[in-house]
Amino acid sequence: MRTQTSSQRKAQPENRVQQDDSQAPGETPAHQASSAASAAAVAESVPSGPSRLIIRTRNNDDSILRFDSTNNDFSYSFRMNPSERRFDLRHGPTSILRFNEDGSEIQCGEDVMLRTDALEVQGLWRFSDSQLYYNGVPQWKLVHDELFRVGQLAEGWSLPDSVTQCGAVHMLGGYCATSNENLVKVFDNLPSHTRIKIEANFHFLDSWGGETAFLRVSENEELGTLNYAWTDSYDYVSARNAVNVCGRDIGDGKFNSFISFEMLHSFNQIRVMFGTSLEQKACAASYGISSFRIYVL
């Protein structure tokens, strides 16, 4: 290599770019000799601009800028491969980051590929067009996750101030709060999708006598038309030696019933309604919901 300034008439600087003949891990002596023979490094000093270090190669050999430890047992290097039109950051012989010509693809080690339109991991996981895939299968996307908490309003629900606690569970509704009252909410601005899934926990409290709990949802743009999506029932008489979680001195034999329902759906809104066929007052038999989630696909 040789060092030049912007003017041949000026004295050469004391700090020169020197050729290093030591061998980095993973480089063969033949490759090193070829690179040293073909590379030309020029340091340009522009009086009114920045200083630059330019590495040019002949015969399409790699351009290499290498950093070695004192004992030459620890090495990092930047490499440009003109023939394959890529740029690498390497630790010894191992590529850590590899960029293609326009930066639209970045290879991270052996397992991760970043693209401007997709992310791939180990050939199994892929993220593209706001959709996650595993082994080619699209995965559900969580778009709404609601945990209720005593002292906080359940915004958008028909009874926003009816949040209670039963055992360790904070729920919308609950003991002395909801019996035959419906819990209703409209969810809008849903992202583009073709399927929708709703999950929640339904809590049966105190002296249910075989009545039915239900979830109803809108299937299209007519939010006023609701169809049944889930039902369940409970009779406290059939629950022997049940634990009393909260409320009256009656065992809660079906304290938690998990809801998971999915259907075809492509609209940006959905209306949900939880309710029961109870006729008793809320301090005799009641219900609540918790951990409400919406997924789309």
Protein backbone atom coordinates (compact mmCIF):
# COMPACT_ATOMS: atom_id res chain seq x y z
CA MET A 1 0.00 0.00 0.00
CA ARG A 2 1.05 3.65 -0.46
CA THR A 3 -0.11 6.87 1.14
CA GLN A 4 -0.83 10.05 -0.81
CA THR A 5 -2.04 13.48 0.22
CA SER A 6 -4.09 15.77 -1.97
CA SER A 7 -0.93 17.52 -3.20
CA GLN A 8 2.25 15.73 -4.33
CA ARG A 9 4.27 18.85 -3.45
CA LYS A 10 3.46 18.58 0.27
CA ALA A 11 5.55 16.56 2.71
CA GLN A 12 4.38 13.04 3.45
CA PRO A 13 2.62 12.69 6.86
CA GLU A 14 4.36 10.82 9.66
CA ASN A 15 1.41 8.42 10.27
CA ARG A 16 1.43 6.13 7.25
CA VAL A 17 -0.90 3.29 6.20
CA GLN A 18 1.30 0.21 6.48
CA GLN A 19 0.87 -3.24 5.01
CA ASP A 20 0.50 -5.96 7.65
CA ASP A 21 1.89 -9.31 6.54
CA SER A 22 0.58 -11.25 9.55
CA GLN A 23 -2.00 -13.93 8.93
CA ALA A 24 -5.51 -13.62 10.47
CA PRO A 25 -7.41 -16.70 11.65
CA GLY A 26 -9.14 -18.32 8.68
CA GLU A 27 -6.92 -16.72 6.02
CA THR A 28 -4.56 -18.85 4.01
CA PRO A 29 -1.09 -17.47 3.19
CA ALA A 30 -1.93 -17.68 -0.53
CA HIS A 31 -5.10 -15.61 -0.09
CA GLN A 32 -3.24 -13.09 2.06
CA ALA A 33 -0.45 -12.76 -0.49
CA SER A 34 -2.97 -12.33 -3.30
CA SER A 35 -4.88 -9.65 -1.38
CA ALA A 36 -1.70 -7.82 -0.46
CA ALA A 37 -0.48 -7.87 -4.05
CA SER A 38 -3.76 -6.70 -5.55
CA ALA A 39 -4.97 -4.14 -3.01
CA ALA A 40 -4.04 -0.47 -3.34
CA ALA A 41 -4.84 1.83 -0.41
CA VAL A 42 -4.88 5.58 -0.88
CA ALA A 43 -5.39 8.06 1.98
CA GLU A 44 -6.71 11.32 0.57
CA SER A 45 -6.65 14.55 2.53
CA VAL A 46 -8.94 17.17 1.09
CA PRO A 47 -8.07 20.65 2.45
CA SER A 48 -11.70 21.79 2.75
CA GLY A 49 -13.32 18.41 3.38
CA PRO A 50 -13.02 15.15 5.33
CA SER A 51 -10.14 12.66 5.28
CA ARG A 52 -10.84 9.40 3.51
CA LEU A 53 -9.32 5.94 3.35
CA ILE A 54 -10.05 4.25 0.02
CA ILE A 55 -9.24 0.56 -0.59
CA ARG A 56 -9.29 -0.56 -4.21
CA THR A 57 -8.65 -4.06 -5.54
CA ARG A 58 -7.59 -5.56 -8.83
CA ASN A 59 -8.97 -8.71 -10.47
CA ASN A 60 -12.14 -8.68 -8.30
CA ASP A 61 -10.26 -9.79 -5.17
CA ASP A 62 -11.77 -9.09 -1.75
CA SER A 63 -11.13 -5.71 -0.15
CA ILE A 64 -10.23 -6.33 3.50
CA LEU A 65 -9.85 -4.02 6.48
CA ARG A 66 -8.67 -6.16 9.42
CA PHE A 67 -8.20 -5.53 13.14
CA ASP A 68 -5.93 -7.99 15.00
CA SER A 69 -5.04 -8.56 18.65
CA THR A 70 -1.44 -8.28 19.81
CA ASN A 71 -0.92 -12.05 19.63
CA ASN A 72 -2.83 -12.31 16.36
CA ASP A 73 -5.31 -14.76 17.96
CA PHE A 74 -8.31 -12.44 17.93
CA SER A 75 -9.41 -10.76 14.70
CA TYR A 76 -12.28 -8.76 13.23
CA SER A 77 -12.45 -7.66 9.62
CA PHE A 78 -14.60 -5.80 7.12
CA ARG A 79 -14.68 -7.43 3.68
CA MET A 80 -16.16 -6.43 0.36
CA ASN A 81 -16.61 -9.16 -2.23
CA PRO A 82 -16.89 -7.46 -5.65
CA SER A 83 -17.81 -10.59 -7.61
CA GLU A 84 -20.73 -11.51 -5.31
CA ARG A 85 -21.43 -7.81 -4.56
CA ARG A 86 -21.69 -8.22 -0.79
CA PHE A 87 -20.12 -6.70 2.32
CA ASP A 88 -19.26 -8.71 5.47
CA LEU A 89 -18.32 -8.12 9.08
CA ARG A 90 -16.33 -11.15 10.25
CA HIS A 91 -14.93 -12.51 13.50
CA GLY A 92 -11.95 -14.47 12.28
CA PRO A 93 -13.25 -16.61 9.41
CA THR A 94 -16.89 -16.44 10.60
CA SER A 95 -19.33 -13.99 9.02
CA ILE A 96 -21.34 -12.08 11.66
CA LEU A 97 -23.22 -9.68 9.38
CA ARG A 98 -23.51 -9.86 5.60
CA PHE A 99 -25.13 -7.17 3.46
CA ASN A 100 -26.15 -7.51 -0.16
CA GLU A 101 -25.52 -4.74 -2.69
CA ASP A 102 -28.53 -2.50 -1.95
CA GLY A 103 -28.93 -3.40 1.73
CA SER A 104 -32.29 -5.10 1.18
CA GLU A 105 -30.95 -8.35 2.71
CA ILE A 106 -28.90 -8.71 5.89
CA GLN A 107 -27.67 -12.15 6.98
CA CYS A 108 -27.06 -12.36 10.75
CA GLY A 109 -24.90 -15.39 11.46
CA GLU A 110 -26.30 -18.65 10.12
CA ASP A 111 -29.90 -18.50 11.33
CA VAL A 112 -31.37 -15.04 10.86
CA MET A 113 -32.11 -13.28 7.57
CA LEU A 114 -33.43 -9.71 7.58
CA ARG A 115 -35.10 -8.38 4.45
CA THR A 116 -36.79 -5.08 3.73
CA ASP A 117 -40.08 -6.95 3.31
CA ALA A 118 -39.59 -9.97 5.61
CA LEU A 119 -37.73 -11.48 8.57
CA GLU A 120 -36.74 -15.15 8.54
CA VAL A 121 -35.29 -17.20 11.42
CA GLN A 122 -33.83 -20.69 10.87
CA GLY A 123 -36.06 -21.16 7.83
CA LEU A 124 -39.08 -21.74 10.11
CA TRP A 125 -40.19 -18.34 11.40
CA ARG A 126 -40.99 -15.59 8.91
CA PHE A 127 -42.48 -12.14 9.38
CA SER A 128 -43.85 -10.56 6.21
CA ASP A 129 -46.57 -8.01 5.43
CA SER A 130 -47.39 -7.62 9.16
CA GLN A 131 -48.03 -11.37 9.42
CA LEU A 132 -46.02 -13.96 11.38
CA TYR A 133 -45.62 -17.44 9.88
CA TYR A 134 -44.25 -20.64 11.37
CA ASN A 135 -43.22 -23.29 8.87
CA GLY A 136 -45.44 -21.53 6.32
CA VAL A 137 -48.52 -21.46 8.59
CA PRO A 138 -49.87 -17.96 9.50
CA GLN A 139 -50.07 -17.30 13.25
CA TRP A 140 -52.78 -15.50 15.20
CA LYS A 141 -52.08 -11.83 15.91
CA LEU A 142 -53.12 -10.45 19.32
CA VAL A 143 -54.83 -7.08 18.74
CA HIS A 144 -56.61 -6.53 22.07
CA ASP A 145 -55.60 -7.70 25.54
CA GLU A 146 -57.62 -6.45 28.51
CA LEU A 147 -56.91 -7.16 32.16
CA PHE A 148 -59.38 -5.53 34.53
CA ARG A 149 -58.27 -3.99 37.81
CA VAL A 150 -60.20 -2.76 40.84
CA GLY A 151 -60.11 1.03 41.00
CA GLN A 152 -59.77 1.42 37.21
CA LEU A 153 -62.62 1.95 34.77
CA ALA A 154 -63.24 -0.74 32.15
CA GLU A 155 -63.32 1.76 29.30
CA GLY A 156 -65.86 1.13 26.53
CA TRP A 157 -67.81 -1.54 28.40
CA SER A 158 -71.47 -1.07 29.27
CA LEU A 159 -70.73 -1.21 33.04
CA PRO A 160 -67.26 0.40 33.20
CA ASP A 161 -67.25 0.97 36.97
CA SER A 162 -68.29 -2.60 37.89
CA VAL A 163 -64.83 -4.10 38.42
CA THR A 164 -64.50 -6.31 41.50
CA GLN A 165 -62.04 -8.80 42.97
CA CYS A 166 -62.77 -12.45 43.77
CA GLY A 167 -59.85 -14.38 45.19
CA ALA A 168 -56.82 -13.31 43.16
CA VAL A 169 -58.90 -12.44 40.08
CA HIS A 170 -59.86 -8.90 39.13
CA MET A 171 -62.96 -9.17 36.95
CA LEU A 172 -65.54 -7.05 35.20
CA GLY A 173 -68.77 -7.78 37.05
CA GLY A 174 -68.67 -10.20 39.97
CA TYR A 175 -70.31 -10.65 43.36
CA CYS A 176 -73.21 -8.23 43.93
CA ALA A 177 -72.33 -6.50 40.64
CA THR A 178 -73.75 -8.47 37.69
CA SER A 179 -76.43 -11.14 37.48
CA ASN A 180 -78.80 -10.69 34.53
CA GLU A 181 -77.05 -7.50 33.38
CA ASN A 182 -75.20 -7.73 30.07
CA LEU A 183 -71.57 -6.71 29.55
CA VAL A 184 -71.27 -5.17 26.09
CA LYS A 185 -68.51 -3.50 24.10
CA VAL A 186 -67.79 -2.56 20.48
CA PHE A 187 -64.20 -3.02 19.23
CA ASP A 188 -63.29 -1.01 16.14
CA ASN A 189 -60.24 -0.22 14.01
CA LEU A 190 -59.39 -3.91 13.69
CA PRO A 191 -56.54 -4.55 11.22
CA SER A 192 -57.19 -6.32 7.92
CA HIS A 193 -58.08 -9.98 8.54
CA THR A 194 -60.19 -12.92 7.41
CA ARG A 195 -60.67 -14.71 10.77
CA ILE A 196 -61.15 -13.59 14.35
CA LYS A 197 -60.74 -15.35 17.70
CA ILE A 198 -62.07 -14.27 21.11
CA GLU A 199 -60.75 -15.58 24.42
CA ALA A 200 -61.92 -14.82 27.96
CA ASN A 201 -62.50 -16.34 31.38
CA PHE A 202 -66.10 -16.57 32.59
CA HIS A 203 -66.67 -16.85 36.36
CA PHE A 204 -69.76 -18.55 37.86
CA LEU A 205 -70.30 -17.26 41.42
CA ASP A 206 -72.57 -18.58 44.19
CA SER A 207 -76.00 -20.20 43.79
CA TRP A 208 -76.48 -20.90 40.13
CA GLY A 209 -79.28 -23.42 39.63
CA GLY A 210 -78.60 -24.71 36.12
CA GLU A 211 -78.93 -21.35 34.35
CA THR A 212 -76.94 -20.58 31.20
CA ALA A 213 -74.11 -18.16 30.55
CA PHE A 214 -73.46 -16.95 27.01
CA LEU A 215 -71.31 -14.91 24.65
CA ARG A 216 -72.92 -13.28 21.62
CA VAL A 217 -71.07 -11.51 18.80
CA SER A 218 -71.79 -9.57 15.62
CA GLU A 219 -70.80 -11.40 12.44
CA ASN A 220 -70.96 -8.52 9.93
CA GLU A 221 -71.41 -4.76 9.68
CA GLU A 222 -74.83 -5.00 11.38
CA LEU A 223 -73.58 -4.52 14.94
CA GLY A 224 -77.12 -4.71 16.28
CA THR A 225 -77.50 -8.32 15.18
CA LEU A 226 -75.77 -10.65 17.64
CA ASN A 227 -75.50 -14.43 17.41
CA TYR A 228 -74.57 -16.95 20.08
CA ALA A 229 -70.89 -17.94 19.99
CA TRP A 230 -70.50 -19.76 23.34
CA THR A 231 -72.71 -21.09 26.15
CA ASP A 232 -72.17 -22.95 29.42
CA SER A 233 -74.23 -23.75 32.50
CA TYR A 234 -73.71 -24.51 36.20
CA ASP A 235 -75.67 -25.89 39.15
CA TYR A 236 -74.07 -25.36 42.55
CA VAL A 237 -76.01 -28.31 44.03
CA SER A 238 -73.98 -30.74 41.91
CA ALA A 239 -70.66 -29.32 43.14
CA ARG A 240 -69.77 -31.19 46.33
CA ASN A 241 -67.12 -29.88 48.72
CA ALA A 242 -66.43 -26.94 46.39
CA VAL A 243 -64.15 -24.14 47.60
CA ASN A 244 -65.82 -20.84 48.41
CA VAL A 245 -63.69 -18.32 46.53
CA CYS A 246 -65.74 -15.22 47.33
CA GLY A 247 -69.29 -13.96 47.85
CA ARG A 248 -71.88 -15.97 49.78
CA ASP A 249 -71.02 -18.94 51.96
CA ILE A 250 -71.48 -21.29 49.01
CA GLY A 251 -68.82 -23.26 47.20
CA ASP A 252 -67.90 -21.99 43.73
CA GLY A 253 -67.63 -25.29 41.89
CA LYS A 254 -67.19 -23.68 38.48
CA PHE A 255 -65.24 -20.61 39.35
CA ASN A 256 -63.50 -20.40 35.97
CA SER A 257 -64.75 -21.45 32.53
CA PHE A 258 -62.38 -20.69 29.66
CA ILE A 259 -63.86 -19.30 26.44
CA SER A 260 -62.12 -19.70 23.08
CA PHE A 261 -64.19 -19.01 19.99
CA GLU A 262 -63.20 -18.26 16.39
CA MET A 263 -65.07 -17.56 13.17
CA LEU A 264 -64.68 -16.14 9.68
CA HIS A 265 -64.71 -12.36 9.90
CA SER A 266 -63.32 -9.53 7.75
CA PHE A 267 -64.88 -6.34 9.11
CA ASN A 268 -63.06 -3.62 11.06
CA GLN A 269 -65.59 -3.74 13.93
CA ILE A 270 -67.09 -6.37 16.19
CA ARG A 271 -69.60 -6.14 19.02
CA VAL A 272 -69.49 -8.61 21.91
CA MET A 273 -72.01 -9.29 24.66
CA PHE A 274 -71.68 -11.45 27.77
CA GLY A 275 -74.83 -12.35 29.67
CA THR A 276 -76.80 -15.00 31.56
CA SER A 277 -80.30 -16.38 32.00
CA LEU A 278 -80.15 -15.70 35.75
CA GLU A 279 -83.23 -14.27 37.38
CA GLN A 280 -81.74 -13.90 40.86
CA LYS A 281 -80.27 -10.71 42.22
CA ALA A 282 -76.52 -10.21 41.91
CA CYS A 283 -75.87 -10.83 45.61
CA ALA A 284 -77.46 -14.30 45.31
CA ALA A 285 -75.87 -15.50 42.05
CA SER A 286 -73.53 -13.52 39.86
CA TYR A 287 -70.88 -13.69 37.16
CA GLY A 288 -67.83 -11.86 35.92
CA ILE A 289 -65.33 -11.98 33.06
CA SER A 290 -61.54 -11.57 33.03
CA SER A 291 -58.53 -11.77 30.70
CA PHE A 292 -60.38 -10.69 27.57
CA ARG A 293 -58.44 -11.02 24.29
CA ILE A 294 -59.07 -10.61 20.55
CA TYR A 295 -56.87 -12.21 17.88
CA VAL A 296 -57.09 -11.83 14.10
CA LEU A 297 -55.65 -13.78 11.20
